[in-house]
Amino acid sequence: MKKEVIIRPEAEAEIEKAYHWYEEQRKGLGLDFLLCIEEAIEKISRNPEVYSLVHKNVRRILIHRFP
């Protein structure tokens, strides 16, 4: 059973900023970044307990391709 993943507005703003930055570096790289973000969100929703608990009920997954 999938869990709901909540992305805070601050995180959404960071994702958008990173998308534009990567897109400026190379056309299409921003899209690759977003696809990695979507994959990470899907992984967390399927099995959240696997990922680090960083604060109360907040978990984090690292995306190695895009530091």
Protein backbone atom coordinates (compact mmCIF):
# COMPACT_ATOMS: atom_id res chain seq x y z
CA MET A 1 0.00 0.00 0.00
CA LYS A 2 1.41 3.35 -1.04
CA LYS A 3 1.84 6.13 1.49
CA GLU A 4 1.09 9.76 0.73
CA VAL A 5 4.21 11.82 0.07
CA ILE A 6 3.93 15.47 1.06
CA ILE A 7 6.37 17.89 -0.55
CA ARG A 8 6.69 21.12 1.34
CA PRO A 9 6.41 24.40 -0.61
CA GLU A 10 10.06 25.17 0.19
CA ALA A 11 11.11 21.86 -1.36
CA GLU A 12 8.95 22.50 -4.43
CA ALA A 13 10.65 25.88 -4.87
CA GLU A 14 14.09 24.23 -4.58
CA ILE A 15 13.12 21.58 -7.12
CA GLU A 16 11.96 24.24 -9.56
CA LYS A 17 15.12 26.29 -9.08
CA ALA A 18 17.30 23.21 -9.58
CA TYR A 19 15.32 22.25 -12.70
CA HIS A 20 16.05 25.63 -14.29
CA TRP A 21 19.71 25.51 -13.27
CA TYR A 22 20.23 22.03 -14.77
CA GLU A 23 18.33 23.04 -17.90
CA GLU A 24 20.69 26.01 -18.33
CA GLN A 25 23.66 23.67 -18.07
CA ARG A 26 22.36 21.41 -20.83
CA LYS A 27 19.02 21.28 -22.64
CA GLY A 28 17.08 18.25 -21.38
CA LEU A 29 19.10 17.83 -18.18
CA GLY A 30 16.38 19.58 -16.19
CA LEU A 31 13.88 17.01 -17.42
CA ASP A 32 16.24 14.20 -16.40
CA PHE A 33 16.41 15.81 -12.95
CA LEU A 34 12.61 15.89 -12.65
CA LEU A 35 12.36 12.25 -13.72
CA CYS A 36 14.82 11.32 -10.96
CA ILE A 37 12.74 13.32 -8.47
CA GLU A 38 9.57 11.50 -9.57
CA GLU A 39 11.31 8.15 -9.21
CA ALA A 40 12.50 9.06 -5.71
CA ILE A 41 8.99 10.12 -4.66
CA GLU A 42 7.61 6.84 -5.98
CA LYS A 43 10.22 4.86 -4.03
CA ILE A 44 9.41 6.71 -0.81
CA SER A 45 5.67 6.20 -1.26
CA ARG A 46 6.14 2.43 -1.71
CA ASN A 47 8.50 1.83 1.21
CA PRO A 48 9.09 4.93 3.37
CA GLU A 49 10.65 3.07 6.32
CA VAL A 50 13.74 2.31 4.22
CA TYR A 51 14.71 6.00 4.07
CA SER A 52 16.35 8.11 6.73
CA LEU A 53 14.14 9.78 9.28
CA VAL A 54 15.50 13.32 9.59
CA HIS A 55 12.89 14.94 11.83
CA LYS A 56 9.75 13.51 13.47
CA ASN A 57 7.90 12.03 10.46
CA VAL A 58 10.10 13.60 7.77
CA ARG A 59 12.15 11.21 5.64
CA ARG A 60 14.85 11.88 3.09
CA ILE A 61 16.09 10.13 -0.02
CA LEU A 62 19.30 11.17 -1.73
CA ILE A 63 19.48 11.48 -5.50
CA HIS A 64 23.07 10.64 -6.32
CA ARG A 65 23.07 11.73 -9.95
CA PHE A 66 22.00 15.24 -8.99
CA PRO A 67 23.70 16.38 -5.77
